[in-house]
C-alpha atoms as a PDB file:
ATOM      1  CA  MET A   1      -2.646 -39.806 -36.577  1.00  0.00           C
ATOM      2  CA  ARG A   2      -3.062 -40.791 -32.931  1.00  0.00           C
ATOM      3  CA  CYS A   3      -1.251 -39.993 -29.726  1.00  0.00           C
ATOM      4  CA  ASN A   4       0.676 -42.962 -28.368  1.00  0.00           C
ATOM      5  CA  TYR A   5      -0.129 -42.005 -24.756  1.00  0.00           C
ATOM      6  CA  CYS A   6      -3.772 -40.893 -24.582  1.00  0.00           C
ATOM      7  CA  ASN A   7      -4.905 -42.431 -27.881  1.00  0.00           C
ATOM      8  CA  ILE A   8      -6.786 -39.402 -29.225  1.00  0.00           C
ATOM      9  CA  GLU A   9      -7.048 -38.564 -32.891  1.00  0.00           C
ATOM     10  CA  ILE A  10      -4.938 -35.559 -33.880  1.00  0.00           C
ATOM     11  CA  GLY A  11      -5.904 -33.854 -37.111  1.00  0.00           C
ATOM     12  CA  CYS A  12      -3.029 -31.407 -37.456  1.00  0.00           C
ATOM     13  CA  LYS A  13       0.723 -31.279 -37.971  1.00  0.00           C
ATOM     14  CA  SER A  14       1.486 -30.685 -34.306  1.00  0.00           C
ATOM     15  CA  LYS A  15       4.388 -32.683 -32.862  1.00  0.00           C
ATOM     16  CA  ILE A  16       2.982 -32.366 -29.334  1.00  0.00           C
ATOM     17  CA  CYS A  17      -0.340 -33.794 -28.194  1.00  0.00           C
ATOM     18  CA  PRO A  18      -2.762 -30.957 -27.287  1.00  0.00           C
ATOM     19  CA  LEU A  19      -4.257 -33.098 -24.489  1.00  0.00           C
ATOM     20  CA  CYS A  20      -1.350 -34.724 -22.639  1.00  0.00           C
ATOM     21  CA  HIS A  21       1.457 -32.510 -24.067  1.00  0.00           C
ATOM     22  CA  GLU A  22       3.654 -35.494 -24.871  1.00  0.00           C
ATOM     23  CA  LYS A  23       5.706 -35.757 -28.028  1.00  0.00           C
ATOM     24  CA  ILE A  24       3.977 -37.635 -30.812  1.00  0.00           C
ATOM     25  CA  ARG A  25       5.877 -40.604 -32.257  1.00  0.00           C
ATOM     26  CA  LEU A  26       4.964 -41.277 -35.838  1.00  0.00           C
ATOM     27  CA  ASP A  27       4.236 -44.886 -36.711  1.00  0.00           C
ATOM     28  CA  THR A  28       6.597 -45.701 -39.561  1.00  0.00           C
ATOM     29  CA  SER A  29       4.559 -48.785 -40.428  1.00  0.00           C
ATOM     30  CA  VAL A  30       1.667 -46.627 -41.589  1.00  0.00           C
ATOM     31  CA  ASP A  31       2.437 -45.144 -44.969  1.00  0.00           C
ATOM     32  CA  LEU A  32       0.440 -41.958 -45.305  1.00  0.00           C
ATOM     33  CA  PRO A  33       0.419 -40.307 -48.693  1.00  0.00           C
ATOM     34  CA  LEU A  34       2.165 -36.962 -48.919  1.00  0.00           C
ATOM     35  CA  GLU A  35      -0.975 -35.280 -50.207  1.00  0.00           C
ATOM     36  CA  LYS A  36      -2.840 -36.169 -47.013  1.00  0.00           C
ATOM     37  CA  HIS A  37      -0.161 -34.582 -44.845  1.00  0.00           C
ATOM     38  CA  GLU A  38      -0.301 -31.404 -46.901  1.00  0.00           C
ATOM     39  CA  GLU A  39      -4.065 -31.075 -46.517  1.00  0.00           C
ATOM     40  CA  LEU A  40      -3.928 -31.175 -42.722  1.00  0.00           C
ATOM     41  CA  PRO A  41      -4.355 -27.746 -41.105  1.00  0.00           C
ATOM     42  CA  ALA A  42      -1.587 -26.214 -38.991  1.00  0.00           C
ATOM     43  CA  ALA A  43      -1.927 -26.352 -35.213  1.00  0.00           C
ATOM     44  CA  TYR A  44      -1.434 -22.614 -34.885  1.00  0.00           C
ATOM     45  CA  PRO A  45      -1.884 -19.954 -37.545  1.00  0.00           C
ATOM     46  CA  SER A  46       1.392 -18.553 -38.765  1.00  0.00           C
ATOM     47  CA  LYS A  47       1.774 -14.827 -38.285  1.00  0.00           C
ATOM     48  CA  LYS A  48       3.961 -12.892 -40.642  1.00  0.00           C
ATOM     49  CA  ARG A  49       6.105 -10.306 -38.970  1.00  0.00           C
ATOM     50  CA  GLU A  50       5.816  -6.923 -40.529  1.00  0.00           C
ATOM     51  CA  LYS A  51       9.050  -5.067 -40.977  1.00  0.00           C
ATOM     52  CA  VAL A  52       8.998  -1.878 -38.965  1.00  0.00           C
ATOM     53  CA  PRO A  53      10.945   0.901 -40.628  1.00  0.00           C
ATOM     54  CA  VAL A  54      13.841   2.024 -38.448  1.00  0.00           C
ATOM     55  CA  LYS A  55      13.886   5.762 -37.932  1.00  0.00           C
ATOM     56  CA  LYS A  56      17.272   7.376 -38.035  1.00  0.00           C
ATOM     57  CA  LYS A  57      18.000   9.186 -34.818  1.00  0.00           C
ATOM     58  CA  LEU A  58      18.925  12.799 -35.216  1.00  0.00           C
ATOM     59  CA  LEU A  59      21.509  14.427 -33.013  1.00  0.00           C
ATOM     60  CA  SER A  60      20.066  15.695 -29.746  1.00  0.00           C
ATOM     61  CA  PRO A  61      20.273  19.416 -28.911  1.00  0.00           C
ATOM     62  CA  GLY A  62      22.664  18.556 -26.079  1.00  0.00           C
ATOM     63  CA  SER A  63      25.061  16.793 -28.463  1.00  0.00           C
ATOM     64  CA  ILE A  64      24.916  19.661 -30.932  1.00  0.00           C
ATOM     65  CA  TYR A  65      25.618  22.203 -28.191  1.00  0.00           C
ATOM     66  CA  LEU A  66      28.496  20.111 -26.814  1.00  0.00           C
ATOM     67  CA  SER A  67      30.124  19.896 -30.244  1.00  0.00           C
ATOM     68  CA  ILE A  68      29.808  23.634 -30.819  1.00  0.00           C
ATOM     69  CA  ALA A  69      31.009  24.438 -27.285  1.00  0.00           C
ATOM     70  CA  LEU A  70      34.132  22.268 -27.612  1.00  0.00           C
ATOM     71  CA  THR A  71      34.947  23.904 -30.949  1.00  0.00           C
ATOM     72  CA  VAL A  72      34.534  27.395 -29.507  1.00  0.00           C
ATOM     73  CA  PHE A  73      36.601  26.507 -26.436  1.00  0.00           C
ATOM     74  CA  MET A  74      39.506  25.117 -28.486  1.00  0.00           C
ATOM     75  CA  ILE A  75      39.503  28.226 -30.689  1.00  0.00           C
ATOM     76  CA  CYS A  76      39.557  30.446 -27.589  1.00  0.00           C
ATOM     77  CA  VAL A  77      42.457  28.465 -26.103  1.00  0.00           C
ATOM     78  CA  ALA A  78      44.456  28.877 -29.304  1.00  0.00           C
ATOM     79  CA  ILE A  79      43.741  32.615 -29.522  1.00  0.00           C
ATOM     80  CA  ASN A  80      44.455  33.116 -25.822  1.00  0.00           C
ATOM     81  CA  LEU A  81      47.815  31.358 -25.866  1.00  0.00           C
ATOM     82  CA  ARG A  82      48.802  33.119 -29.062  1.00  0.00           C
ATOM     83  CA  LEU A  83      47.806  36.701 -28.267  1.00  0.00           C
ATOM     84  CA  THR A  84      47.608  37.049 -24.467  1.00  0.00           C
ATOM     85  CA  PRO A  85      49.589  34.183 -22.915  1.00  0.00           C
ATOM     86  CA  THR A  86      49.791  35.903 -19.519  1.00  0.00           C
ATOM     87  CA  ILE A  87      46.004  36.118 -19.009  1.00  0.00           C
ATOM     88  CA  TYR A  88      44.170  32.816 -19.153  1.00  0.00           C
ATOM     89  CA  TRP A  89      40.761  34.226 -20.051  1.00  0.00           C
ATOM     90  CA  PHE A  90      39.833  30.960 -21.794  1.00  0.00           C
ATOM     91  CA  ALA A  91      39.050  29.553 -18.318  1.00  0.00           C
ATOM     92  CA  PHE A  92      36.180  32.018 -17.976  1.00  0.00           C
ATOM     93  CA  VAL A  93      34.932  31.138 -21.474  1.00  0.00           C
ATOM     94  CA  GLY A  94      35.052  27.460 -20.551  1.00  0.00           C
ATOM     95  CA  ALA A  95      33.024  28.101 -17.394  1.00  0.00           C
ATOM     96  CA  VAL A  96      30.391  30.009 -19.373  1.00  0.00           C
ATOM     97  CA  LEU A  97      30.180  27.180 -21.910  1.00  0.00           C
ATOM     98  CA  VAL A  98      29.769  24.625 -19.110  1.00  0.00           C
ATOM     99  CA  TYR A  99      26.989  26.769 -17.692  1.00  0.00           C
ATOM    100  CA  GLY A 100      25.316  26.808 -21.089  1.00  0.00           C
ATOM    101  CA  LEU A 101      25.533  23.005 -21.232  1.00  0.00           C
ATOM    102  CA  ILE A 102      23.983  22.643 -17.785  1.00  0.00           C
ATOM    103  CA  LEU A 103      21.308  25.196 -18.666  1.00  0.00           C
ATOM    104  CA  THR A 104      20.449  23.289 -21.828  1.00  0.00           C
ATOM    105  CA  LYS A 105      20.726  19.669 -20.660  1.00  0.00           C
ATOM    106  CA  HIS A 106      19.816  19.800 -16.975  1.00  0.00           C
ATOM    107  CA  THR A 107      17.301  22.681 -16.973  1.00  0.00           C
ATOM    108  CA  ILE A 108      15.569  23.422 -20.278  1.00  0.00           C
ATOM    109  CA  LEU A 109      15.525  19.893 -21.755  1.00  0.00           C
ATOM    110  CA  SER A 110      15.389  18.028 -18.459  1.00  0.00           C
ATOM    111  CA  ASN A 111      12.390  16.488 -16.696  1.00  0.00           C
ATOM    112  CA  ASN A 112      14.056  16.800 -13.310  1.00  0.00           C
ATOM    113  CA  SER A 113      12.326  18.384 -10.377  1.00  0.00           C
ATOM    114  CA  ILE A 114      12.652  22.087  -9.559  1.00  0.00           C
ATOM    115  CA  GLY A 115      15.106  21.385  -6.752  1.00  0.00           C
ATOM    116  CA  ILE A 116      17.556  19.474  -8.957  1.00  0.00           C
ATOM    117  CA  LYS A 117      17.352  22.123 -11.694  1.00  0.00           C
ATOM    118  CA  ILE A 118      18.111  24.927  -9.246  1.00  0.00           C
ATOM    119  CA  PHE A 119      20.951  22.910  -7.702  1.00  0.00           C
ATOM    120  CA  TRP A 120      22.671  22.490 -11.085  1.00  0.00           C
ATOM    121  CA  GLN A 121      22.120  26.157 -11.875  1.00  0.00           C
ATOM    122  CA  ALA A 122      23.706  27.164  -8.563  1.00  0.00           C
ATOM    123  CA  VAL A 123      26.701  24.881  -9.156  1.00  0.00           C
ATOM    124  CA  ALA A 124      27.219  26.253 -12.664  1.00  0.00           C
ATOM    125  CA  ILE A 125      26.988  29.916 -11.652  1.00  0.00           C
ATOM    126  CA  PHE A 126      29.372  29.348  -8.765  1.00  0.00           C
ATOM    127  CA  ALA A 127      31.830  27.684 -11.162  1.00  0.00           C
ATOM    128  CA  ILE A 128      31.683  30.793 -13.350  1.00  0.00           C
ATOM    129  CA  LEU A 129      32.465  32.998 -10.337  1.00  0.00           C
ATOM    130  CA  ILE A 130      35.390  30.759  -9.398  1.00  0.00           C
ATOM    131  CA  ALA A 131      36.774  31.011 -12.950  1.00  0.00           C
ATOM    132  CA  LEU A 132      36.311  34.798 -12.979  1.00  0.00           C
ATOM    133  CA  ASN A 133      38.045  35.094  -9.615  1.00  0.00           C
ATOM    134  CA  TYR A 134      40.949  32.985 -10.847  1.00  0.00           C
ATOM    135  CA  LEU A 135      41.222  35.114 -13.983  1.00  0.00           C
ATOM    136  CA  VAL A 136      41.388  38.561 -12.396  1.00  0.00           C
ATOM    137  CA  LYS A 137      42.985  37.942  -9.003  1.00  0.00           C
ATOM    138  CA  ASP A 138      46.513  38.488 -10.357  1.00  0.00           C
ATOM    139  CA  GLN A 139      45.539  41.303 -12.721  1.00  0.00           C
ATOM    140  CA  ILE A 140      44.161  43.831 -10.221  1.00  0.00           C
ATOM    141  CA  SER A 141      46.146  45.296  -7.376  1.00  0.00           C
ATOM    142  CA  HIS A 142      44.587  45.132  -3.880  1.00  0.00           C
ATOM    143  CA  TYR A 143      42.091  42.612  -5.185  1.00  0.00           C
ATOM    144  CA  ILE A 144      39.947  40.883  -2.544  1.00  0.00           C
ATOM    145  CA  HIS A 145      39.784  37.365  -3.926  1.00  0.00           C
ATOM    146  CA  ASN A 146      37.690  36.005  -1.047  1.00  0.00           C
ATOM    147  CA  TRP A 147      34.550  37.745  -2.344  1.00  0.00           C
ATOM    148  CA  VAL A 148      33.508  34.483  -4.025  1.00  0.00           C
ATOM    149  CA  TRP A 149      33.039  32.813  -0.637  1.00  0.00           C
ATOM    150  CA  ASP A 150      31.997  35.861   1.387  1.00  0.00           C
ATOM    151  CA  LEU A 151      29.468  37.223  -1.108  1.00  0.00           C
ATOM    152  CA  GLY A 152      29.077  35.032  -4.197  1.00  0.00           C
ATOM    153  CA  LEU A 153      28.162  31.700  -2.596  1.00  0.00           C
ATOM    154  CA  PRO A 154      25.719  33.128  -0.008  1.00  0.00           C
ATOM    155  CA  VAL A 155      23.926  35.217  -2.647  1.00  0.00           C
ATOM    156  CA  ILE A 156      23.571  32.192  -4.954  1.00  0.00           C
ATOM    157  CA  LEU A 157      22.116  30.062  -2.158  1.00  0.00           C
ATOM    158  CA  LEU A 158      19.945  32.964  -0.997  1.00  0.00           C
ATOM    159  CA  VAL A 159      18.406  33.389  -4.435  1.00  0.00           C
ATOM    160  CA  SER A 160      17.992  29.611  -4.805  1.00  0.00           C
ATOM    161  CA  THR A 161      16.089  29.407  -1.512  1.00  0.00           C
ATOM    162  CA  LEU A 162      13.856  32.325  -2.522  1.00  0.00           C
ATOM    163  CA  VAL A 163      13.079  30.820  -5.922  1.00  0.00           C
ATOM    164  CA  VAL A 164      12.210  27.419  -4.457  1.00  0.00           C
ATOM    165  CA  GLY A 165      10.149  29.044  -1.724  1.00  0.00           C
ATOM    166  CA  ILE A 166       8.133  31.112  -4.201  1.00  0.00           C
ATOM    167  CA  TYR A 167       7.618  28.112  -6.452  1.00  0.00           C
ATOM    168  CA  THR A 168       6.482  26.007  -3.489  1.00  0.00           C
ATOM    169  CA  ALA A 169       4.004  28.683  -2.419  1.00  0.00           C
ATOM    170  CA  ILE A 170       2.602  28.899  -5.947  1.00  0.00           C
ATOM    171  CA  ALA A 171       2.465  25.125  -6.487  1.00  0.00           C
ATOM    172  CA  PHE A 172       0.822  24.362  -3.133  1.00  0.00           C
ATOM    173  CA  HIS A 173      -1.662  22.038  -4.864  1.00  0.00           C
ATOM    174  CA  LYS A 174       1.183  19.611  -5.691  1.00  0.00           C
ATOM    175  CA  TRP A 175       3.324  19.903  -2.575  1.00  0.00           C
ATOM    176  CA  HIS A 176       4.124  16.208  -2.636  1.00  0.00           C
ATOM    177  CA  SER A 177       6.455  16.824  -5.599  1.00  0.00           C
ATOM    178  CA  VAL A 178       8.161  20.038  -4.399  1.00  0.00           C
ATOM    179  CA  ILE A 179       8.184  19.976  -0.592  1.00  0.00           C
ATOM    180  CA  ILE A 180      11.305  17.781  -0.294  1.00  0.00           C
ATOM    181  CA  ASP A 181      13.118  19.913  -2.909  1.00  0.00           C
ATOM    182  CA  ALA A 182      12.264  23.038  -0.932  1.00  0.00           C
ATOM    183  CA  LEU A 183      13.561  21.437   2.263  1.00  0.00           C
ATOM    184  CA  ALA A 184      16.808  20.259   0.617  1.00  0.00           C
ATOM    185  CA  VAL A 185      17.571  23.620  -1.021  1.00  0.00           C
ATOM    186  CA  SER A 186      16.828  25.421   2.243  1.00  0.00           C
ATOM    187  CA  ALA A 187      19.268  23.142   4.055  1.00  0.00           C
ATOM    188  CA  LEU A 188      22.009  24.075   1.570  1.00  0.00           C
ATOM    189  CA  GLY A 189      21.771  27.658   2.830  1.00  0.00           C
ATOM    190  CA  PHE A 190      23.737  26.685   5.937  1.00  0.00           C
ATOM    191  CA  ILE A 191      26.863  25.864   3.896  1.00  0.00           C
ATOM    192  CA  PRO A 192      28.328  29.428   4.095  1.00  0.00           C
ATOM    193  CA  VAL A 193      27.986  29.448   7.900  1.00  0.00           C
ATOM    194  CA  ILE A 194      29.727  26.079   8.065  1.00  0.00           C
ATOM    195  CA  LEU A 195      32.491  27.444   5.825  1.00  0.00           C
ATOM    196  CA  PHE A 196      32.809  30.438   8.152  1.00  0.00           C
ATOM    197  CA  GLY A 197      33.368  28.028  11.015  1.00  0.00           C
ATOM    198  CA  CYS A 198      36.058  26.320   8.910  1.00  0.00           C
ATOM    199  CA  GLY A 199      37.786  29.649   8.192  1.00  0.00           C
ATOM    200  CA  VAL A 200      36.995  29.766   4.471  1.00  0.00           C
ATOM    201  CA  VAL A 201      34.507  32.629   4.771  1.00  0.00           C
ATOM    202  CA  VAL A 202      35.996  35.775   6.303  1.00  0.00           C
ATOM    203  CA  ASN A 203      33.052  38.203   6.319  1.00  0.00           C
ATOM    204  CA  PRO A 204      29.992  36.312   7.614  1.00  0.00           C
ATOM    205  CA  VAL A 205      27.286  38.966   7.081  1.00  0.00           C
ATOM    206  CA  MET A 206      25.718  37.435   3.950  1.00  0.00           C
ATOM    207  CA  SER A 207      26.290  33.930   5.307  1.00  0.00           C
ATOM    208  CA  ILE A 208      24.224  34.757   8.400  1.00  0.00           C
ATOM    209  CA  ILE A 209      21.450  36.298   6.289  1.00  0.00           C
ATOM    210  CA  CYS A 210      21.422  33.211   4.068  1.00  0.00           C
ATOM    211  CA  ALA A 211      21.256  30.900   7.102  1.00  0.00           C
ATOM    212  CA  CYS A 212      18.371  32.912   8.581  1.00  0.00           C
ATOM    213  CA  LEU A 213      16.374  32.694   5.350  1.00  0.00           C
ATOM    214  CA  SER A 214      17.102  28.966   5.166  1.00  0.00           C
ATOM    215  CA  SER A 215      15.825  28.562   8.724  1.00  0.00           C
ATOM    216  CA  VAL A 216      12.594  30.335   7.750  1.00  0.00           C
ATOM    217  CA  GLY A 217      12.245  28.008   4.748  1.00  0.00           C
ATOM    218  CA  ILE A 218      12.769  24.876   6.855  1.00  0.00           C
ATOM    219  CA  ILE A 219      10.263  26.091   9.471  1.00  0.00           C
ATOM    220  CA  PHE A 220       7.799  26.917   6.700  1.00  0.00           C
ATOM    221  CA  CYS A 221       8.146  23.401   5.251  1.00  0.00           C
ATOM    222  CA  GLY A 222       7.953  21.795   8.688  1.00  0.00           C
ATOM    223  CA  ILE A 223       4.813  23.589   9.854  1.00  0.00           C
ATOM    224  CA  LEU A 224       2.708  23.911   6.727  1.00  0.00           C
ATOM    225  CA  GLY A 225       3.880  20.767   4.950  1.00  0.00           C
ATOM    226  CA  ARG A 226       4.363  18.451   7.920  1.00  0.00           C
ATOM    227  CA  LYS A 227       1.879  15.809   6.801  1.00  0.00           C
ATOM    228  CA  THR A 228       3.147  15.893   3.230  1.00  0.00           C
ATOM    229  CA  LEU A 229       6.755  15.589   4.422  1.00  0.00           C
ATOM    230  CA  ILE A 230       5.964  12.594   6.628  1.00  0.00           C
ATOM    231  CA  SER A 231       4.105  10.909   3.790  1.00  0.00           C
ATOM    232  CA  GLU A 232       6.896  11.544   1.274  1.00  0.00           C
ATOM    233  CA  PHE A 233       9.612  10.349   3.644  1.00  0.00           C
ATOM    234  CA  LYS A 234       7.672   7.147   4.227  1.00  0.00           C
ATOM    235  CA  LYS A 235       7.502   6.632   0.468  1.00  0.00           C
ATOM    236  CA  LYS A 236      11.213   7.359   0.010  1.00  0.00           C
ATOM    237  CA  PHE A 237      12.373   5.003   2.761  1.00  0.00           C
ATOM    238  CA  HIS A 238       9.551   2.435   2.294  1.00  0.00           C
ATOM    239  CA  VAL A 239       8.401   2.754   5.903  1.00  0.00           C
END
């Protein structure tokens, strides 16, 4: 058959002309035998799609842990309210289970950077201390409940800054991936001093020590990693 526009001979079953890309109009006055149409080759080879077997997804470790943790927590709530209704120790169990979830999902099984992992660890440990403080503050006479802010939070941030600093010193060959994390975690060390200014922290000794170590970490990042920091900030803000 021929194209009605460019008048070239087309020897295939294509409905579009390969030269001018116009639709081909069949001439009904020409009676072609059916056998001739069947012998013409196809314009494009047909490709059979192979069926890919679908793999069944197994439950992730995080989902398994969450299911077990919820079961354990509900059992502890029932036992607590039944046996010791005046002491809500299930709050501490819940905090420990949340810490286990964060440890599993956001630390062990996570591909996050060292700074994000340490941040989640610090948040989880501080939540445990808050739950413990809430649990025992009414059970012990002359209990100093402000120890969570005066001692607990500064120590957590102090250890976090030390860990990030040691990791940064060891991984100096890949500073571009850890220098911003080290700077961010060091900056968090000033939170206890800020809370002291707001009246939340009463005894500022550990807060001052934490702020001093954070200052050393920031100076360390600024002096030794200045070029890397400038380069990474340019990448982050597309400068």
